[in-house]
Protein backbone atom coordinates (compact mmCIF):
# COMPACT_ATOMS: atom_id res chain seq x y z
CA MET A 1 -0.68 -75.17 46.93
CA SER A 2 -0.69 -75.16 43.21
CA THR A 3 1.87 -73.14 41.32
CA HIS A 4 0.54 -70.67 38.68
CA ARG A 5 1.82 -71.57 35.25
CA GLN A 6 2.21 -69.20 32.34
CA PHE A 7 0.67 -70.97 29.29
CA ASN A 8 1.50 -68.40 26.63
CA SER A 9 4.70 -68.92 24.84
CA LYS A 10 7.56 -66.36 25.09
CA ARG A 11 7.42 -65.86 21.31
CA ILE A 12 3.94 -64.19 21.60
CA ALA A 13 4.55 -62.43 24.90
CA SER A 14 4.94 -58.96 23.34
CA PHE A 15 1.87 -59.27 21.03
CA GLY A 16 -1.34 -57.45 21.60
CA GLU A 17 -4.54 -56.98 19.64
CA THR A 18 -3.77 -55.93 16.05
CA VAL A 19 -4.40 -52.35 15.36
CA PHE A 20 -6.78 -53.24 12.48
CA ALA A 21 -9.09 -55.21 14.79
CA LYS A 22 -9.17 -52.37 17.35
CA TYR A 23 -10.15 -49.59 14.90
CA THR A 24 -12.53 -51.65 12.91
CA ARG A 25 -14.39 -52.42 16.17
CA LEU A 26 -14.39 -48.67 17.00
CA ALA A 27 -15.86 -47.98 13.56
CA GLN A 28 -18.61 -50.50 14.12
CA GLU A 29 -19.34 -49.26 17.64
CA HIS A 30 -19.72 -45.61 16.57
CA LYS A 31 -21.19 -46.25 13.07
CA ALA A 32 -18.18 -44.38 11.61
CA ILE A 33 -17.00 -44.40 8.05
CA ASN A 34 -14.15 -46.93 8.14
CA LEU A 35 -11.12 -45.49 6.39
CA GLY A 36 -8.96 -47.54 8.81
CA GLN A 37 -8.70 -51.14 7.65
CA GLY A 38 -7.68 -51.58 4.00
CA PHE A 39 -10.53 -53.60 2.54
CA PRO A 40 -12.87 -52.43 -0.23
CA ASP A 41 -16.39 -51.70 0.68
CA PHE A 42 -17.65 -52.38 -2.90
CA GLU A 43 -18.13 -55.59 -4.91
CA PRO A 44 -15.43 -57.21 -6.97
CA PRO A 45 -15.72 -57.08 -10.72
CA ALA A 46 -18.37 -59.31 -12.31
CA PHE A 47 -15.84 -61.56 -14.06
CA VAL A 48 -14.27 -62.21 -10.65
CA LEU A 49 -17.49 -63.31 -9.12
CA GLU A 50 -18.33 -65.44 -12.03
CA ALA A 51 -14.96 -67.22 -11.80
CA LEU A 52 -15.74 -67.98 -8.13
CA ARG A 53 -19.20 -69.41 -9.12
CA ALA A 54 -17.69 -71.56 -11.79
CA ALA A 55 -14.93 -72.86 -9.52
CA SER A 56 -17.43 -73.91 -6.78
CA THR A 57 -18.51 -76.88 -9.00
CA THR A 58 -15.00 -78.04 -9.69
CA PHE A 59 -12.64 -80.51 -7.85
CA GLN A 60 -13.11 -80.08 -4.07
CA GLN A 61 -10.24 -82.17 -2.71
CA TYR A 62 -6.64 -81.23 -1.77
CA ALA A 63 -4.64 -79.44 -4.39
CA PRO A 64 -1.07 -80.42 -4.95
CA LEU A 65 1.44 -78.99 -2.36
CA PRO A 66 3.07 -76.51 -4.79
CA GLY A 67 -0.30 -75.19 -5.82
CA LEU A 68 -3.03 -75.95 -8.37
CA PRO A 69 -1.20 -76.31 -11.68
CA ALA A 70 -3.50 -73.87 -13.42
CA LEU A 71 -2.64 -71.10 -10.99
CA SER A 72 1.06 -71.85 -10.62
CA GLU A 73 1.31 -71.79 -14.40
CA VAL A 74 -0.38 -68.43 -14.90
CA VAL A 75 1.78 -66.89 -12.10
CA ALA A 76 4.94 -68.32 -13.58
CA LYS A 77 3.90 -67.05 -17.09
CA THR A 78 3.18 -63.54 -15.74
CA MET A 79 6.34 -63.28 -13.76
CA SER A 80 8.44 -64.81 -16.63
CA ALA A 81 7.21 -62.01 -18.89
CA ARG A 82 8.04 -59.33 -16.39
CA LEU A 83 11.50 -60.64 -15.47
CA GLY A 84 12.55 -61.92 -18.93
CA LEU A 85 13.11 -65.35 -17.49
CA GLY A 86 11.71 -68.85 -18.26
CA LEU A 87 10.20 -69.71 -14.83
CA LYS A 88 9.01 -73.22 -14.10
CA PRO A 89 5.69 -73.44 -12.07
CA GLU A 90 6.73 -76.19 -9.63
CA GLU A 91 10.29 -74.98 -9.16
CA ASN A 92 9.83 -71.19 -9.04
CA VAL A 93 6.24 -70.73 -7.62
CA GLN A 94 4.67 -71.57 -4.28
CA ILE A 95 0.96 -70.87 -3.86
CA THR A 96 0.11 -69.71 -0.30
CA VAL A 97 -2.79 -68.69 1.92
CA GLY A 98 -2.48 -65.05 0.90
CA ALA A 99 0.62 -62.96 1.08
CA THR A 100 0.38 -63.17 4.78
CA GLU A 101 1.18 -66.80 4.85
CA ALA A 102 3.80 -66.45 2.21
CA LEU A 103 5.60 -63.95 4.49
CA PHE A 104 5.29 -66.18 7.59
CA ALA A 105 6.41 -69.37 5.72
CA THR A 106 9.43 -67.42 4.28
CA MET A 107 10.52 -66.32 7.70
CA GLN A 108 10.10 -69.87 9.05
CA ALA A 109 12.06 -71.26 6.13
CA LEU A 110 14.98 -68.85 6.11
CA ILE A 111 15.45 -67.35 9.61
CA ASP A 112 17.31 -69.04 12.54
CA PRO A 113 17.31 -67.67 16.11
CA GLY A 114 19.55 -64.70 16.30
CA ASP A 115 19.41 -63.82 12.61
CA GLU A 116 18.73 -60.16 11.95
CA VAL A 117 16.04 -58.97 9.50
CA ILE A 118 15.99 -55.35 8.35
CA LEU A 119 12.49 -53.73 8.34
CA LEU A 120 11.83 -50.32 6.77
CA GLU A 121 9.54 -48.13 8.90
CA PRO A 122 6.64 -47.62 8.80
CA PHE A 123 6.11 -51.34 8.25
CA TYR A 124 3.20 -53.56 7.65
CA ASP A 125 2.51 -54.83 11.25
CA ALA A 126 2.82 -58.57 10.44
CA TYR A 127 6.55 -58.13 9.59
CA PRO A 128 8.06 -57.94 13.11
CA ALA A 129 5.71 -60.61 14.32
CA ASP A 130 6.86 -62.91 11.60
CA VAL A 131 10.50 -62.23 12.36
CA LEU A 132 10.05 -62.72 16.11
CA MET A 133 8.11 -65.97 15.70
CA ALA A 134 10.97 -67.36 13.73
CA GLY A 135 13.41 -66.39 16.48
CA GLY A 136 14.87 -63.51 14.37
CA VAL A 137 15.83 -59.99 15.52
CA PRO A 138 14.13 -57.09 13.71
CA LYS A 139 16.47 -54.16 12.87
CA TYR A 140 14.64 -50.97 11.97
CA VAL A 141 15.49 -48.31 9.44
CA PRO A 142 12.93 -45.45 9.11
CA LEU A 143 11.74 -43.82 5.90
CA LEU A 144 11.41 -40.05 6.39
CA PRO A 145 9.14 -37.71 4.45
CA ASP A 146 10.92 -34.67 2.96
CA VAL A 147 9.55 -31.12 2.54
CA THR A 148 7.78 -32.18 -0.61
CA GLY A 149 5.99 -35.14 1.08
CA ARG A 150 8.12 -37.83 -0.62
CA TRP A 151 9.29 -40.61 1.49
CA ILE A 152 13.14 -40.96 1.49
CA LEU A 153 15.23 -43.97 2.16
CA ASP A 154 18.51 -42.91 3.86
CA LEU A 155 21.01 -45.17 2.14
CA ALA A 156 23.78 -44.44 4.65
CA GLU A 157 21.50 -45.50 7.52
CA LEU A 158 20.39 -48.62 5.63
CA THR A 159 24.07 -49.44 4.99
CA ALA A 160 24.89 -49.13 8.60
CA ALA A 161 22.08 -51.55 9.50
CA PHE A 162 23.63 -54.38 7.53
CA ASN A 163 26.15 -56.60 9.30
CA ALA A 164 27.43 -60.14 9.54
CA LYS A 165 24.19 -61.20 11.28
CA THR A 166 21.82 -59.83 8.59
CA LYS A 167 19.98 -62.61 6.94
CA ALA A 168 17.26 -60.70 5.11
CA ILE A 169 15.60 -57.40 4.45
CA ILE A 170 11.82 -57.10 3.85
CA LEU A 171 10.94 -54.58 1.13
CA ASN A 172 7.32 -53.47 0.44
CA THR A 173 6.68 -51.65 -2.92
CA PRO A 174 4.31 -49.99 -3.43
CA HIS A 175 4.68 -49.42 0.23
CA ASN A 176 1.98 -49.67 2.93
CA PRO A 177 1.34 -47.31 4.49
CA SER A 178 3.36 -44.47 2.87
CA GLY A 179 2.43 -45.11 -0.72
CA LYS A 180 6.10 -44.90 -1.68
CA VAL A 181 7.19 -46.73 -4.86
CA PHE A 182 10.92 -47.57 -4.71
CA SER A 183 13.02 -46.30 -7.47
CA SER A 184 15.49 -48.29 -9.64
CA ASP A 185 18.39 -46.58 -7.84
CA GLU A 186 16.97 -47.56 -4.41
CA LEU A 187 16.36 -51.13 -5.50
CA ASP A 188 19.87 -51.41 -6.92
CA ALA A 189 21.46 -50.17 -3.70
CA ILE A 190 19.43 -52.72 -1.70
CA ILE A 191 20.57 -55.41 -4.09
CA ARG A 192 24.24 -54.42 -3.69
CA LEU A 193 23.95 -54.58 0.07
CA ALA A 194 22.23 -57.98 -0.05
CA HIS A 195 25.06 -59.35 -2.26
CA LYS A 196 27.77 -57.84 -0.04
CA HIS A 197 26.27 -59.36 3.18
CA ASN A 198 24.94 -62.58 1.72
CA ALA A 199 21.27 -61.62 2.58
CA ILE A 200 17.97 -62.34 1.02
CA ILE A 201 15.51 -59.69 -0.18
CA ILE A 202 11.88 -60.51 0.68
CA SER A 203 9.81 -58.21 -1.64
CA ASP A 204 6.14 -57.77 -0.70
CA GLU A 205 4.44 -56.47 -3.87
CA VAL A 206 0.64 -56.91 -3.13
CA TYR A 207 -0.03 -53.44 -4.47
CA GLU A 208 1.89 -54.06 -7.65
CA HIS A 209 -1.07 -53.19 -9.91
CA ILE A 210 -2.12 -50.19 -7.87
CA SER A 211 0.80 -47.92 -8.73
CA PHE A 212 0.44 -44.40 -10.22
CA VAL A 213 4.10 -44.33 -11.26
CA PRO A 214 6.05 -47.21 -12.86
CA HIS A 215 6.39 -50.11 -10.51
CA LEU A 216 9.54 -52.27 -10.56
CA SER A 217 10.12 -55.62 -9.02
CA VAL A 218 13.46 -56.04 -7.24
CA ALA A 219 13.74 -59.38 -9.05
CA GLN A 220 13.84 -57.67 -12.42
CA ARG A 221 16.83 -55.46 -11.50
CA PRO A 222 20.48 -56.72 -12.22
CA GLY A 223 21.49 -59.20 -9.55
CA GLY A 224 18.08 -59.15 -7.92
CA TRP A 225 16.49 -62.45 -8.96
CA GLU A 226 19.03 -64.84 -7.35
CA ARG A 227 18.74 -63.12 -4.03
CA SER A 228 14.97 -62.36 -3.77
CA ILE A 229 11.61 -63.91 -3.03
CA THR A 230 8.76 -61.89 -4.56
CA ILE A 231 5.39 -62.10 -2.78
CA SER A 232 1.95 -61.01 -4.07
CA SER A 233 -1.70 -62.06 -3.99
CA ILE A 234 -5.20 -61.83 -5.47
CA GLY A 235 -6.85 -59.89 -2.62
CA LYS A 236 -5.87 -56.25 -3.20
CA THR A 237 -5.80 -56.33 -6.97
CA PHE A 238 -9.22 -57.85 -7.41
CA SER A 239 -11.05 -56.56 -4.26
CA VAL A 240 -11.33 -60.09 -2.79
CA THR A 241 -9.26 -59.78 0.41
CA GLY A 242 -11.26 -62.67 1.87
CA TRP A 243 -10.06 -65.23 -0.68
CA LYS A 244 -6.55 -65.34 0.81
CA VAL A 245 -4.77 -66.70 -2.19
CA GLY A 246 -1.17 -65.61 -2.63
CA TRP A 247 2.20 -66.71 -3.98
CA ALA A 248 5.94 -66.63 -3.45
CA VAL A 249 8.17 -66.51 -6.55
CA GLY A 250 11.94 -67.05 -6.64
CA PRO A 251 14.93 -69.23 -7.38
CA LYS A 252 14.46 -72.99 -7.05
CA GLU A 253 16.47 -73.37 -3.80
CA LEU A 254 14.58 -70.55 -2.09
CA ILE A 255 11.12 -71.66 -3.09
CA ARG A 256 11.99 -75.20 -2.10
CA ALA A 257 12.77 -73.84 1.48
CA VAL A 258 9.49 -71.96 1.59
CA ARG A 259 7.61 -75.06 0.49
CA LEU A 260 9.11 -77.13 3.27
CA ALA A 261 7.84 -74.59 5.77
CA HIS A 262 4.45 -74.21 3.93
CA GLN A 263 3.59 -78.00 4.11
CA TRP A 264 3.50 -77.77 7.91
CA ILE A 265 1.50 -74.54 8.14
CA PRO A 266 -1.59 -75.02 5.89
CA PHE A 267 -0.20 -77.87 3.74
CA VAL A 268 -2.25 -76.59 0.72
CA VAL A 269 -4.57 -73.72 -0.24
CA ALA A 270 -8.32 -73.97 -0.91
CA THR A 271 -8.75 -75.71 -4.27
CA PRO A 272 -11.88 -73.81 -5.62
CA LEU A 273 -10.32 -70.50 -4.68
CA GLN A 274 -7.12 -71.50 -6.58
CA GLU A 275 -9.19 -72.51 -9.52
CA ALA A 276 -11.07 -69.20 -9.44
CA SER A 277 -7.85 -67.21 -9.08
CA ALA A 278 -6.29 -68.88 -12.11
CA SER A 279 -9.29 -67.96 -14.21
CA VAL A 280 -9.31 -64.36 -12.87
CA LEU A 281 -5.56 -63.79 -13.62
CA THR A 282 -6.01 -65.26 -17.14
CA GLN A 283 -8.91 -63.01 -17.86
CA ALA A 284 -7.36 -59.87 -16.35
CA ALA A 285 -4.40 -60.17 -18.72
CA LYS A 286 -6.74 -60.11 -21.70
CA ASN A 287 -9.38 -57.54 -20.75
CA ASP A 288 -7.31 -54.41 -19.92
CA TYR A 289 -8.29 -54.85 -16.28
CA TYR A 290 -5.01 -53.54 -14.70
CA ALA A 291 -5.16 -50.25 -16.56
CA LYS A 292 -8.78 -49.78 -15.46
CA LEU A 293 -7.77 -50.65 -11.90
CA ARG A 294 -5.09 -47.96 -11.82
CA ARG A 295 -7.58 -45.40 -13.16
CA LEU A 296 -10.13 -46.41 -10.59
CA TYR A 297 -7.79 -46.03 -7.62
CA GLN A 298 -6.17 -42.83 -8.89
CA GLY A 299 -9.65 -41.40 -9.01
CA LYS A 300 -10.43 -42.44 -5.49
CA ARG A 301 -6.95 -41.12 -4.20
CA ASP A 302 -7.65 -37.80 -5.82
CA THR A 303 -11.20 -37.64 -4.35
CA LEU A 304 -9.75 -38.15 -0.86
CA LEU A 305 -6.91 -35.75 -1.44
CA ALA A 306 -9.37 -33.04 -2.68
CA ALA A 307 -11.51 -33.63 0.45
CA LEU A 308 -8.53 -33.33 2.79
CA LYS A 309 -7.61 -29.92 1.42
CA GLN A 310 -10.80 -28.60 3.09
CA THR A 311 -9.51 -29.85 6.49
CA PRO A 312 -6.51 -28.97 8.66
CA LEU A 313 -4.90 -32.39 7.66
CA LYS A 314 -2.01 -32.13 5.13
CA ALA A 315 -1.89 -35.14 2.86
CA LEU A 316 1.31 -36.71 1.60
CA VAL A 317 0.51 -37.79 -1.89
CA PRO A 318 1.00 -41.51 -2.43
CA GLN A 319 2.64 -43.03 -5.47
CA GLY A 320 0.85 -46.27 -5.18
CA GLY A 321 -1.21 -48.54 -2.85
CA TYR A 322 -4.62 -47.40 -1.47
CA PHE A 323 -3.60 -45.39 1.62
CA VAL A 324 -3.00 -41.71 2.35
CA ILE A 325 -0.78 -40.60 5.14
CA ALA A 326 -1.85 -37.12 6.46
CA ASP A 327 -0.15 -34.81 8.92
CA SER A 328 -2.30 -33.35 11.79
CA SER A 329 0.40 -30.98 13.09
CA ALA A 330 -1.91 -28.02 12.54
CA LEU A 331 -4.31 -29.37 15.15
CA ASP A 332 -1.63 -29.52 17.92
CA LEU A 333 -3.03 -32.66 19.41
CA LYS A 334 -1.63 -35.13 21.89
CA GLY A 335 -0.57 -37.73 19.37
CA ASP A 336 -1.71 -40.13 16.67
CA VAL A 337 -3.37 -42.75 18.97
CA ALA A 338 -5.35 -40.10 20.85
CA LEU A 339 -6.46 -38.51 17.50
CA CYS A 340 -7.55 -41.86 15.98
CA GLU A 341 -9.32 -42.92 19.15
CA ALA A 342 -11.33 -39.66 19.15
CA LEU A 343 -12.10 -39.49 15.43
CA PRO A 344 -14.87 -42.11 15.27
CA VAL A 345 -16.46 -40.70 18.39
CA GLN A 346 -16.42 -37.01 17.59
CA VAL A 347 -16.30 -36.96 13.80
CA GLY A 348 -17.63 -40.30 12.64
CA VAL A 349 -14.53 -41.29 10.65
CA THR A 350 -12.00 -44.10 11.52
CA ALA A 351 -8.31 -43.87 10.68
CA ILE A 352 -5.27 -45.85 11.74
CA PRO A 353 -2.47 -44.37 13.93
CA PRO A 354 0.76 -45.08 12.08
CA SER A 355 2.80 -45.35 15.29
CA ALA A 356 1.53 -49.00 15.23
CA PHE A 357 3.86 -49.47 12.27
CA TYR A 358 7.01 -48.23 14.02
CA SER A 359 9.39 -49.67 16.51
CA LYS A 360 9.28 -48.31 20.09
CA ASP A 361 12.30 -46.14 19.55
CA HIS A 362 10.83 -44.49 16.44
CA ARG A 363 7.15 -44.13 17.30
CA HIS A 364 7.65 -40.38 17.89
CA LEU A 365 8.06 -40.02 14.12
CA ALA A 366 4.38 -40.74 13.67
CA LYS A 367 3.16 -38.39 16.41
CA HIS A 368 1.21 -36.10 14.03
CA LEU A 369 0.35 -38.73 11.34
CA LEU A 370 -2.72 -40.81 10.45
CA ARG A 371 -3.42 -43.34 7.81
CA LEU A 372 -6.56 -43.20 5.69
CA ALA A 373 -7.71 -45.87 3.22
CA PHE A 374 -9.26 -44.83 -0.03
CA CYS A 375 -10.34 -48.36 -1.19
CA LYS A 376 -13.92 -47.21 -0.52
CA SER A 377 -16.91 -46.11 -2.54
CA ASP A 378 -16.81 -42.53 -3.82
CA GLU A 379 -19.87 -41.75 -1.71
CA ALA A 380 -18.09 -43.00 1.45
CA LEU A 381 -14.97 -40.95 0.58
CA GLN A 382 -16.98 -37.79 -0.10
CA GLU A 383 -19.01 -38.17 3.15
CA ALA A 384 -15.80 -38.85 5.11
CA GLY A 385 -14.31 -35.64 3.68
CA GLN A 386 -17.42 -33.68 4.81
CA ARG A 387 -17.18 -35.13 8.28
CA LEU A 388 -13.41 -34.45 8.51
CA GLN A 389 -14.12 -30.76 7.99
CA ASN A 390 -15.49 -30.82 11.57
CA LEU A 391 -11.89 -31.06 12.75
CA ARG A 392 -11.93 -27.24 12.42
CA GLU A 393 -14.49 -26.78 15.07
CA GLY A 394 -12.46 -26.92 18.31
CA PHE A 395 -11.56 -30.57 17.98
CA LYS A 396 -9.93 -31.98 21.22
CA THR A 397 -8.20 -35.15 22.20
């Protein structure tokens, strides 16, 4: 008699379908307005599309392992100006398949089995998966909204989470999904703890140019550079989430480690997309694009916030990123998952339940919350607002 064999590895045993796939599918099934997954429903700027067309006729073979020189150089130049350092493209920059691969490669490069990695909740859902696939142990510290709707980092709780096993902390600013932009005092406290415990700060800054208050990189704070890897990408900033071009920036020894892992994951990134990205970043620095981007998204944020005022949902005003967390406590429903499963069916709008971004022990903190994306056309946001007013009419879960 044959013996049943489990083919899945233990490292993926706890994984299920990503929350984004589930709720995007629900949106499609019910023809709902998708305010769940964070991708724009509008075209990128014309200069971005033109850069892609021009790059399609360029060199089509493998780019160098560190990245196409034109792209590595513009990333190094941009970060040098921000940090006040003279960064070298090959030593301090690694081009990756989006920020997603940069995060994965960083975990593979730095984390050994048993190492602890601190994650701030709510987290981007790839973070715990990246830690677990490297054999690490996630340690969770929740951010909590205060009475004004600001998300607070409890420094005493964060301090208690650090110990001799702590290898890294993942920071995300502007933060997905809360929209929190970490202050200089908070960044400095994190840096002090990282130095005390000999830990690395992995800073995910993909929303760096969608910030409605001043954004700071941890690497530009005193003592931050030598202990941090800063990760960002093209996708969110230029509405090209499908390009999957990102980068990791940091000290030579840390980037060398990331590169050693990266070479065995994708090896290199698509050459024409790197060429296009280099052109886009160069032009954006000259055409006032980033200021226009902030104004665009602040307008979309305010459109959604105004619409939510006409519903029972209480919005927490984000400082950056393109998501709004809203409180549904006034509806007295069964929970965030039940609400988000019912929304596309009964109202025609899709949202994401934030409990997907919490550890099991802390999911209760998201019971009355939902996440709405405002990286959508003004027409879609206004129509979604109209539909969400139907929550007043005896909505049930």
